[in-house]
C-alpha atoms as a PDB file:
ATOM      1  CA  MET A   1    -238.040 163.182 -39.875  1.00  0.00           C
ATOM      2  CA  GLU A   2    -235.865 160.555 -38.365  1.00  0.00           C
ATOM      3  CA  THR A   3    -237.987 157.229 -38.766  1.00  0.00           C
ATOM      4  CA  VAL A   4    -238.420 155.429 -35.673  1.00  0.00           C
ATOM      5  CA  THR A   5    -237.903 151.857 -34.541  1.00  0.00           C
ATOM      6  CA  LEU A   6    -239.582 149.179 -32.716  1.00  0.00           C
ATOM      7  CA  ASN A   7    -237.259 149.545 -30.262  1.00  0.00           C
ATOM      8  CA  GLY A   8    -238.204 153.153 -29.725  1.00  0.00           C
ATOM      9  CA  THR A   9    -234.875 154.518 -31.143  1.00  0.00           C
ATOM     10  CA  THR A  10    -234.306 156.844 -34.119  1.00  0.00           C
ATOM     11  CA  GLN A  11    -232.661 155.131 -37.460  1.00  0.00           C
ATOM     12  CA  THR A  12    -229.804 157.628 -36.622  1.00  0.00           C
ATOM     13  CA  GLU A  13    -229.166 156.506 -32.927  1.00  0.00           C
ATOM     14  CA  GLN A  14    -229.389 152.898 -33.801  1.00  0.00           C
ATOM     15  CA  ASP A  15    -226.831 153.299 -36.609  1.00  0.00           C
ATOM     16  CA  SER A  16    -224.784 155.199 -33.857  1.00  0.00           C
ATOM     17  CA  LEU A  17    -225.193 152.162 -31.506  1.00  0.00           C
ATOM     18  CA  ILE A  18    -224.018 149.692 -34.406  1.00  0.00           C
ATOM     19  CA  GLN A  19    -221.272 152.128 -35.104  1.00  0.00           C
ATOM     20  CA  LYS A  20    -219.781 151.881 -31.584  1.00  0.00           C
ATOM     21  CA  GLU A  21    -220.122 148.431 -31.434  1.00  0.00           C
ATOM     22  CA  LEU A  22    -217.835 147.935 -34.114  1.00  0.00           C
ATOM     23  CA  ARG A  23    -215.560 150.580 -32.757  1.00  0.00           C
ATOM     24  CA  GLN A  24    -215.597 148.626 -29.497  1.00  0.00           C
ATOM     25  CA  LYS A  25    -215.219 145.021 -31.090  1.00  0.00           C
ATOM     26  CA  GLY A  26    -212.044 145.521 -33.360  1.00  0.00           C
ATOM     27  CA  GLU A  27    -210.009 147.408 -35.327  1.00  0.00           C
ATOM     28  CA  ILE A  28    -211.652 149.529 -38.109  1.00  0.00           C
ATOM     29  CA  PRO A  29    -209.548 149.543 -41.028  1.00  0.00           C
ATOM     30  CA  GLN A  30    -207.959 152.751 -41.572  1.00  0.00           C
ATOM     31  CA  HIS A  31    -207.947 151.757 -45.734  1.00  0.00           C
ATOM     32  CA  VAL A  32    -210.887 150.562 -47.239  1.00  0.00           C
ATOM     33  CA  ALA A  33    -210.913 149.880 -50.809  1.00  0.00           C
ATOM     34  CA  VAL A  34    -213.933 149.061 -53.249  1.00  0.00           C
ATOM     35  CA  ILE A  35    -214.710 148.199 -56.607  1.00  0.00           C
ATOM     36  CA  MET A  36    -217.969 149.213 -57.495  1.00  0.00           C
ATOM     37  CA  ASP A  37    -219.769 147.071 -59.774  1.00  0.00           C
ATOM     38  CA  GLY A  38    -223.422 145.871 -60.736  1.00  0.00           C
ATOM     39  CA  ASN A  39    -224.549 148.981 -62.062  1.00  0.00           C
ATOM     40  CA  GLY A  40    -225.334 147.727 -65.603  1.00  0.00           C
ATOM     41  CA  ARG A  41    -226.955 144.057 -64.449  1.00  0.00           C
ATOM     42  CA  TRP A  42    -228.784 146.417 -61.579  1.00  0.00           C
ATOM     43  CA  ALA A  43    -230.668 148.688 -64.353  1.00  0.00           C
ATOM     44  CA  LYS A  44    -231.288 145.679 -66.811  1.00  0.00           C
ATOM     45  CA  SER A  45    -232.873 143.753 -64.054  1.00  0.00           C
ATOM     46  CA  ARG A  46    -235.314 146.633 -63.580  1.00  0.00           C
ATOM     47  CA  GLY A  47    -235.980 146.732 -67.648  1.00  0.00           C
ATOM     48  CA  GLY A  48    -233.585 150.118 -67.674  1.00  0.00           C
ATOM     49  CA  VAL A  49    -230.647 151.253 -69.724  1.00  0.00           C
ATOM     50  CA  ARG A  50    -226.931 151.039 -67.686  1.00  0.00           C
ATOM     51  CA  ILE A  51    -226.861 154.157 -66.897  1.00  0.00           C
ATOM     52  CA  LYS A  52    -229.726 154.671 -64.851  1.00  0.00           C
ATOM     53  CA  GLY A  53    -227.666 151.965 -62.550  1.00  0.00           C
ATOM     54  CA  HIS A  54    -224.635 154.422 -62.859  1.00  0.00           C
ATOM     55  CA  HIS A  55    -226.757 157.020 -61.666  1.00  0.00           C
ATOM     56  CA  ALA A  56    -228.684 155.173 -58.979  1.00  0.00           C
ATOM     57  CA  GLY A  57    -225.348 154.175 -57.381  1.00  0.00           C
ATOM     58  CA  VAL A  58    -224.378 157.630 -56.604  1.00  0.00           C
ATOM     59  CA  GLU A  59    -226.371 157.015 -53.410  1.00  0.00           C
ATOM     60  CA  SER A  60    -224.624 154.384 -52.269  1.00  0.00           C
ATOM     61  CA  VAL A  61    -221.275 156.411 -52.528  1.00  0.00           C
ATOM     62  CA  ARG A  62    -222.511 159.587 -50.847  1.00  0.00           C
ATOM     63  CA  ASP A  63    -223.611 156.261 -48.178  1.00  0.00           C
ATOM     64  CA  THR A  64    -220.889 154.961 -47.951  1.00  0.00           C
ATOM     65  CA  VAL A  65    -218.537 158.066 -47.759  1.00  0.00           C
ATOM     66  CA  GLU A  66    -220.916 159.034 -44.938  1.00  0.00           C
ATOM     67  CA  ALA A  67    -220.326 155.811 -42.670  1.00  0.00           C
ATOM     68  CA  CYS A  68    -216.659 155.581 -43.510  1.00  0.00           C
ATOM     69  CA  ALA A  69    -215.651 159.121 -42.257  1.00  0.00           C
ATOM     70  CA  GLN A  70    -218.108 158.379 -38.900  1.00  0.00           C
ATOM     71  CA  LEU A  71    -216.584 155.158 -38.013  1.00  0.00           C
ATOM     72  CA  GLY A  72    -213.225 156.452 -38.411  1.00  0.00           C
ATOM     73  CA  VAL A  73    -211.954 154.795 -41.727  1.00  0.00           C
ATOM     74  CA  LYS A  74    -209.023 157.388 -42.614  1.00  0.00           C
ATOM     75  CA  HIS A  75    -208.593 156.228 -46.912  1.00  0.00           C
ATOM     76  CA  LEU A  76    -211.865 155.137 -48.977  1.00  0.00           C
ATOM     77  CA  THR A  77    -210.703 154.168 -52.527  1.00  0.00           C
ATOM     78  CA  LEU A  78    -213.417 153.860 -54.991  1.00  0.00           C
ATOM     79  CA  TYR A  79    -212.940 151.975 -57.845  1.00  0.00           C
ATOM     80  CA  ALA A  80    -215.225 154.693 -59.902  1.00  0.00           C
ATOM     81  CA  PHE A  81    -213.618 153.963 -63.844  1.00  0.00           C
ATOM     82  CA  SER A  82    -211.218 152.004 -65.006  1.00  0.00           C
ATOM     83  CA  THR A  83    -208.624 151.657 -68.307  1.00  0.00           C
ATOM     84  CA  GLU A  84    -210.553 149.150 -69.699  1.00  0.00           C
ATOM     85  CA  ASN A  85    -213.639 151.012 -68.967  1.00  0.00           C
ATOM     86  CA  TRP A  86    -213.152 153.527 -71.939  1.00  0.00           C
ATOM     87  CA  THR A  87    -214.017 150.412 -74.465  1.00  0.00           C
ATOM     88  CA  ARG A  88    -217.962 150.412 -73.610  1.00  0.00           C
ATOM     89  CA  PRO A  89    -220.228 152.049 -75.647  1.00  0.00           C
ATOM     90  CA  GLN A  90    -219.261 155.512 -76.554  1.00  0.00           C
ATOM     91  CA  ARG A  91    -222.680 156.351 -75.482  1.00  0.00           C
ATOM     92  CA  GLU A  92    -222.484 154.906 -72.295  1.00  0.00           C
ATOM     93  CA  VAL A  93    -218.407 156.502 -71.874  1.00  0.00           C
ATOM     94  CA  ASN A  94    -219.993 159.839 -72.482  1.00  0.00           C
ATOM     95  CA  ALA A  95    -223.014 159.178 -69.901  1.00  0.00           C
ATOM     96  CA  LEU A  96    -220.272 158.252 -67.496  1.00  0.00           C
ATOM     97  CA  MET A  97    -218.273 161.614 -68.060  1.00  0.00           C
ATOM     98  CA  THR A  98    -221.527 163.657 -67.620  1.00  0.00           C
ATOM     99  CA  LEU A  99    -222.105 162.039 -64.616  1.00  0.00           C
ATOM    100  CA  LEU A 100    -218.761 162.535 -62.919  1.00  0.00           C
ATOM    101  CA  VAL A 101    -218.826 166.096 -63.478  1.00  0.00           C
ATOM    102  CA  GLN A 102    -222.167 166.464 -62.005  1.00  0.00           C
ATOM    103  CA  THR A 103    -221.686 164.451 -59.000  1.00  0.00           C
ATOM    104  CA  ILE A 104    -218.675 165.986 -58.287  1.00  0.00           C
ATOM    105  CA  ARG A 105    -219.965 169.337 -58.399  1.00  0.00           C
ATOM    106  CA  SER A 106    -223.153 168.519 -56.537  1.00  0.00           C
ATOM    107  CA  GLU A 107    -220.999 166.616 -53.416  1.00  0.00           C
ATOM    108  CA  THR A 108    -217.692 168.768 -53.069  1.00  0.00           C
ATOM    109  CA  LYS A 109    -219.306 171.102 -50.765  1.00  0.00           C
ATOM    110  CA  LYS A 110    -220.579 168.327 -48.425  1.00  0.00           C
ATOM    111  CA  LEU A 111    -217.440 166.439 -48.984  1.00  0.00           C
ATOM    112  CA  HIS A 112    -215.779 170.193 -47.766  1.00  0.00           C
ATOM    113  CA  GLU A 113    -218.174 170.529 -44.698  1.00  0.00           C
ATOM    114  CA  ASN A 114    -217.675 167.231 -43.636  1.00  0.00           C
ATOM    115  CA  ASP A 115    -213.720 167.813 -43.567  1.00  0.00           C
ATOM    116  CA  ILE A 116    -213.129 165.488 -45.975  1.00  0.00           C
ATOM    117  CA  ARG A 117    -210.273 165.560 -48.577  1.00  0.00           C
ATOM    118  CA  LEU A 118    -211.067 164.277 -52.291  1.00  0.00           C
ATOM    119  CA  THR A 119    -208.003 163.033 -54.274  1.00  0.00           C
ATOM    120  CA  ALA A 120    -208.047 160.852 -57.819  1.00  0.00           C
ATOM    121  CA  ILE A 121    -205.308 158.775 -59.209  1.00  0.00           C
ATOM    122  CA  GLY A 122    -205.048 157.193 -62.611  1.00  0.00           C
ATOM    123  CA  GLN A 123    -204.513 158.440 -65.978  1.00  0.00           C
ATOM    124  CA  LEU A 124    -206.219 161.962 -65.681  1.00  0.00           C
ATOM    125  CA  ASP A 125    -204.921 163.221 -68.660  1.00  0.00           C
ATOM    126  CA  ARG A 126    -207.193 161.375 -70.750  1.00  0.00           C
ATOM    127  CA  PHE A 127    -210.680 162.516 -69.438  1.00  0.00           C
ATOM    128  CA  PRO A 128    -212.277 165.773 -71.038  1.00  0.00           C
ATOM    129  CA  ALA A 129    -211.500 169.026 -70.081  1.00  0.00           C
ATOM    130  CA  LYS A 130    -214.590 169.837 -68.285  1.00  0.00           C
ATOM    131  CA  CYS A 131    -214.182 166.651 -66.291  1.00  0.00           C
ATOM    132  CA  ARG A 132    -210.622 167.695 -65.294  1.00  0.00           C
ATOM    133  CA  ASN A 133    -211.128 170.876 -64.199  1.00  0.00           C
ATOM    134  CA  GLN A 134    -214.145 169.626 -61.995  1.00  0.00           C
ATOM    135  CA  LEU A 135    -212.150 167.902 -60.147  1.00  0.00           C
ATOM    136  CA  ALA A 136    -209.236 169.550 -59.810  1.00  0.00           C
ATOM    137  CA  GLU A 137    -211.514 172.327 -58.413  1.00  0.00           C
ATOM    138  CA  ALA A 138    -213.007 169.957 -56.181  1.00  0.00           C
ATOM    139  CA  ILE A 139    -209.132 168.462 -54.978  1.00  0.00           C
ATOM    140  CA  ARG A 140    -208.178 172.188 -54.362  1.00  0.00           C
ATOM    141  CA  LEU A 141    -211.183 173.033 -52.074  1.00  0.00           C
ATOM    142  CA  THR A 142    -211.072 169.939 -50.442  1.00  0.00           C
ATOM    143  CA  LYS A 143    -207.045 169.581 -50.120  1.00  0.00           C
ATOM    144  CA  GLY A 144    -206.872 171.234 -46.755  1.00  0.00           C
ATOM    145  CA  ASN A 145    -209.338 168.473 -45.180  1.00  0.00           C
ATOM    146  CA  SER A 146    -208.319 165.649 -42.296  1.00  0.00           C
ATOM    147  CA  ARG A 147    -210.755 163.651 -41.096  1.00  0.00           C
ATOM    148  CA  MET A 148    -210.994 161.239 -44.062  1.00  0.00           C
ATOM    149  CA  GLU A 149    -209.151 160.991 -47.986  1.00  0.00           C
ATOM    150  CA  LEU A 150    -211.786 159.865 -50.467  1.00  0.00           C
ATOM    151  CA  CYS A 151    -209.938 158.886 -53.677  1.00  0.00           C
ATOM    152  CA  LEU A 152    -211.242 158.508 -57.131  1.00  0.00           C
ATOM    153  CA  ALA A 153    -209.580 155.947 -59.282  1.00  0.00           C
ATOM    154  CA  LEU A 154    -210.365 157.083 -62.606  1.00  0.00           C
ATOM    155  CA  SER A 155    -209.436 155.709 -66.077  1.00  0.00           C
ATOM    156  CA  TYR A 156    -206.763 153.560 -63.259  1.00  0.00           C
ATOM    157  CA  SER A 157    -205.263 150.178 -63.508  1.00  0.00           C
ATOM    158  CA  GLY A 158    -203.173 148.233 -61.712  1.00  0.00           C
ATOM    159  CA  ARG A 159    -200.657 146.950 -64.736  1.00  0.00           C
ATOM    160  CA  TRP A 160    -200.660 150.931 -65.834  1.00  0.00           C
ATOM    161  CA  ASP A 161    -199.597 152.027 -61.983  1.00  0.00           C
ATOM    162  CA  ILE A 162    -197.061 149.342 -61.805  1.00  0.00           C
ATOM    163  CA  THR A 163    -195.595 150.404 -65.450  1.00  0.00           C
ATOM    164  CA  GLN A 164    -195.235 153.913 -64.642  1.00  0.00           C
ATOM    165  CA  ALA A 165    -193.592 153.239 -61.260  1.00  0.00           C
ATOM    166  CA  THR A 166    -191.332 151.195 -63.001  1.00  0.00           C
ATOM    167  CA  ARG A 167    -190.577 153.434 -65.770  1.00  0.00           C
ATOM    168  CA  LYS A 168    -189.657 156.189 -62.995  1.00  0.00           C
ATOM    169  CA  ILE A 169    -187.221 154.017 -61.728  1.00  0.00           C
ATOM    170  CA  SER A 170    -185.176 152.607 -65.093  1.00  0.00           C
ATOM    171  CA  GLU A 171    -184.727 156.685 -65.769  1.00  0.00           C
ATOM    172  CA  LYS A 172    -183.312 157.186 -62.350  1.00  0.00           C
ATOM    173  CA  VAL A 173    -181.384 154.391 -63.023  1.00  0.00           C
ATOM    174  CA  ALA A 174    -180.409 154.897 -66.262  1.00  0.00           C
ATOM    175  CA  LYS A 175    -178.856 158.338 -65.240  1.00  0.00           C
ATOM    176  CA  GLY A 176    -177.011 157.073 -62.293  1.00  0.00           C
ATOM    177  CA  GLN A 177    -178.944 158.216 -59.296  1.00  0.00           C
ATOM    178  CA  ILE A 178    -179.941 154.999 -57.900  1.00  0.00           C
ATOM    179  CA  THR A 179    -178.032 151.209 -58.251  1.00  0.00           C
ATOM    180  CA  PRO A 180    -180.190 148.338 -59.590  1.00  0.00           C
ATOM    181  CA  GLU A 181    -179.742 146.780 -56.325  1.00  0.00           C
ATOM    182  CA  ALA A 182    -181.442 149.845 -54.551  1.00  0.00           C
ATOM    183  CA  VAL A 183    -184.511 148.825 -56.039  1.00  0.00           C
ATOM    184  CA  THR A 184    -186.796 147.091 -53.451  1.00  0.00           C
ATOM    185  CA  ASP A 185    -190.615 146.428 -52.729  1.00  0.00           C
ATOM    186  CA  GLU A 186    -190.443 149.967 -50.788  1.00  0.00           C
ATOM    187  CA  LEU A 187    -188.723 151.640 -53.417  1.00  0.00           C
ATOM    188  CA  ILE A 188    -191.348 150.707 -56.242  1.00  0.00           C
ATOM    189  CA  SER A 189    -194.365 151.397 -53.151  1.00  0.00           C
ATOM    190  CA  THR A 190    -192.658 155.083 -53.137  1.00  0.00           C
ATOM    191  CA  HIS A 191    -193.142 155.472 -57.083  1.00  0.00           C
ATOM    192  CA  LEU A 192    -196.893 154.211 -57.490  1.00  0.00           C
ATOM    193  CA  VAL A 193    -199.654 157.015 -57.588  1.00  0.00           C
ATOM    194  CA  THR A 194    -200.470 155.554 -54.200  1.00  0.00           C
ATOM    195  CA  ALA A 195    -197.053 156.578 -52.154  1.00  0.00           C
ATOM    196  CA  ASP A 196    -198.818 158.849 -50.006  1.00  0.00           C
ATOM    197  CA  LYS A 197    -201.357 156.336 -48.758  1.00  0.00           C
ATOM    198  CA  PRO A 198    -201.603 153.118 -46.983  1.00  0.00           C
ATOM    199  CA  ASP A 199    -202.090 149.887 -48.492  1.00  0.00           C
ATOM    200  CA  PRO A 200    -205.679 148.494 -48.114  1.00  0.00           C
ATOM    201  CA  ASP A 201    -206.832 146.485 -45.169  1.00  0.00           C
ATOM    202  CA  LEU A 202    -210.017 145.751 -46.781  1.00  0.00           C
ATOM    203  CA  ILE A 203    -211.636 145.364 -50.352  1.00  0.00           C
ATOM    204  CA  ILE A 204    -215.342 145.302 -50.653  1.00  0.00           C
ATOM    205  CA  ARG A 205    -216.573 144.136 -54.020  1.00  0.00           C
ATOM    206  CA  THR A 206    -220.203 143.916 -55.222  1.00  0.00           C
ATOM    207  CA  SER A 207    -222.251 142.020 -57.499  1.00  0.00           C
ATOM    208  CA  GLY A 208    -220.545 138.367 -56.227  1.00  0.00           C
ATOM    209  CA  GLU A 209    -217.693 138.469 -58.766  1.00  0.00           C
ATOM    210  CA  PHE A 210    -214.386 137.141 -57.586  1.00  0.00           C
ATOM    211  CA  ARG A 211    -211.548 138.863 -59.235  1.00  0.00           C
ATOM    212  CA  ILE A 212    -209.547 142.210 -58.871  1.00  0.00           C
ATOM    213  CA  SER A 213    -210.033 143.736 -62.493  1.00  0.00           C
ATOM    214  CA  ASN A 214    -206.826 145.198 -62.615  1.00  0.00           C
ATOM    215  CA  PHE A 215    -207.115 147.098 -59.255  1.00  0.00           C
ATOM    216  CA  LEU A 216    -204.484 148.125 -57.135  1.00  0.00           C
ATOM    217  CA  LEU A 217    -202.446 144.981 -57.806  1.00  0.00           C
ATOM    218  CA  TRP A 218    -198.992 145.742 -56.153  1.00  0.00           C
ATOM    219  CA  GLN A 219    -200.976 147.503 -52.995  1.00  0.00           C
ATOM    220  CA  LEU A 220    -203.720 144.578 -52.116  1.00  0.00           C
ATOM    221  CA  ALA A 221    -200.754 142.055 -51.719  1.00  0.00           C
ATOM    222  CA  TYR A 222    -202.075 141.124 -47.964  1.00  0.00           C
ATOM    223  CA  THR A 223    -205.459 143.003 -48.030  1.00  0.00           C
ATOM    224  CA  GLU A 224    -208.528 141.280 -46.656  1.00  0.00           C
ATOM    225  CA  PHE A 225    -211.322 140.548 -49.276  1.00  0.00           C
ATOM    226  CA  TYR A 226    -214.978 140.908 -49.006  1.00  0.00           C
ATOM    227  CA  ILE A 227    -217.379 139.704 -51.920  1.00  0.00           C
ATOM    228  CA  THR A 228    -220.994 140.501 -51.696  1.00  0.00           C
ATOM    229  CA  LYS A 229    -223.478 139.656 -54.266  1.00  0.00           C
ATOM    230  CA  THR A 230    -225.403 142.858 -53.580  1.00  0.00           C
ATOM    231  CA  TYR A 231    -225.309 145.187 -57.118  1.00  0.00           C
ATOM    232  CA  TRP A 232    -223.484 148.166 -56.359  1.00  0.00           C
ATOM    233  CA  PRO A 233    -226.362 150.513 -56.264  1.00  0.00           C
ATOM    234  CA  ASP A 234    -228.367 148.474 -53.314  1.00  0.00           C
ATOM    235  CA  PHE A 235    -225.247 148.753 -51.643  1.00  0.00           C
ATOM    236  CA  ARG A 236    -225.458 150.434 -48.182  1.00  0.00           C
ATOM    237  CA  ARG A 237    -223.712 151.039 -44.949  1.00  0.00           C
ATOM    238  CA  ASP A 238    -225.443 147.662 -43.276  1.00  0.00           C
ATOM    239  CA  GLU A 239    -223.573 146.142 -45.962  1.00  0.00           C
ATOM    240  CA  LEU A 240    -220.430 148.141 -45.159  1.00  0.00           C
ATOM    241  CA  TYR A 241    -221.049 147.276 -41.608  1.00  0.00           C
ATOM    242  CA  LYS A 242    -220.993 143.155 -42.415  1.00  0.00           C
ATOM    243  CA  ALA A 243    -217.882 143.515 -44.396  1.00  0.00           C
ATOM    244  CA  ILE A 244    -215.508 145.534 -40.994  1.00  0.00           C
ATOM    245  CA  GLU A 245    -217.138 142.846 -38.647  1.00  0.00           C
ATOM    246  CA  CYS A 246    -216.297 140.281 -41.105  1.00  0.00           C
ATOM    247  CA  PHE A 247    -212.746 141.881 -41.009  1.00  0.00           C
ATOM    248  CA  GLN A 248    -212.642 142.043 -37.733  1.00  0.00           C
ATOM    249  CA  GLY A 249    -213.158 138.502 -37.374  1.00  0.00           C
ATOM    250  CA  ARG A 250    -209.324 137.380 -39.556  1.00  0.00           C
ATOM    251  CA  GLU A 251    -206.919 137.033 -38.390  1.00  0.00           C
ATOM    252  CA  ARG A 252    -204.176 139.303 -40.535  1.00  0.00           C
ATOM    253  CA  ARG A 253    -200.538 137.352 -40.387  1.00  0.00           C
ATOM    254  CA  PHE A 254    -198.652 139.033 -42.984  1.00  0.00           C
ATOM    255  CA  GLY A 255    -196.817 135.964 -43.745  1.00  0.00           C
ATOM    256  CA  LYS A 256    -196.014 135.041 -40.240  1.00  0.00           C
ATOM    257  CA  VAL A 257    -197.945 132.467 -38.144  1.00  0.00           C
ATOM    258  CA  SER A 258    -200.699 132.940 -35.251  1.00  0.00           C
ATOM    259  CA  GLU A 259    -197.938 132.721 -32.196  1.00  0.00           C
ATOM    260  CA  GLN A 260    -195.346 135.281 -33.906  1.00  0.00           C
ATOM    261  CA  ILE A 261    -198.844 137.155 -33.740  1.00  0.00           C
ATOM    262  CA  VAL A 262    -200.381 136.928 -30.324  1.00  0.00           C
ATOM    263  CA  SER A 263    -196.255 137.558 -28.940  1.00  0.00           C
ATOM    264  CA  ASN A 264    -195.847 140.458 -31.148  1.00  0.00           C
ATOM    265  CA  GLU A 265    -199.689 142.038 -29.070  1.00  0.00           C
ATOM    266  CA  SER A 266    -198.342 141.072 -25.942  1.00  0.00           C
ATOM    267  CA  GLU A 267    -194.918 142.841 -26.057  1.00  0.00           C
ATOM    268  CA  LYS A 268    -196.978 146.252 -26.821  1.00  0.00           C
END
């Protein structure tokens, strides 16, 4: 049963109004990336083990995905597991692998019903076969969906991404398929694992940390940052709305001056 607020509207109705106001107020970022940080600290602050924080964070993922799709965000990339995370205690890594399988299995049907396409980037071959198979099945089932893309960055690092792109380009140069002079920013971008996605407009980092943590290093060149002290398990759509509202208040100049931006807008 829906909760009724003081003004007589249900929570769902109130949420729809907030989303409508955001769309009317300004541009909705087409690509949102999230560094989901603070699961372990959230659990420790409650006297629990770290994995409890990861389990609690699944609800935050669910709510964020749903809200982004409703708002009209076209790409949502979640930093779910970094290359460096493999160095964590084996017990935690094993628990995360189990949680990944369980979450994908339980959420795939809902993603499909809501026309959301699941993809993944990173060194996926490092994952256990059970994880790879469950992920592959979810990707296969949802590949035709077009409302929004939910991309999971798994065993991903920005440096690895740039390195693998450089290797591919170097091989083409060595074979004489392209010349060194043909190597441009655009060419490098087409060899990254995100080649089929626009660069993020907005990146959100939870838990109050001010670092990129080896995430989308090339792609974040002109991305707007939003930092919140909220731990990821407590992150919900109201915080997402704050991030988008903050994004809408920024002037994205991409190296230009304000007058150029105003002039370009008036010419459209």
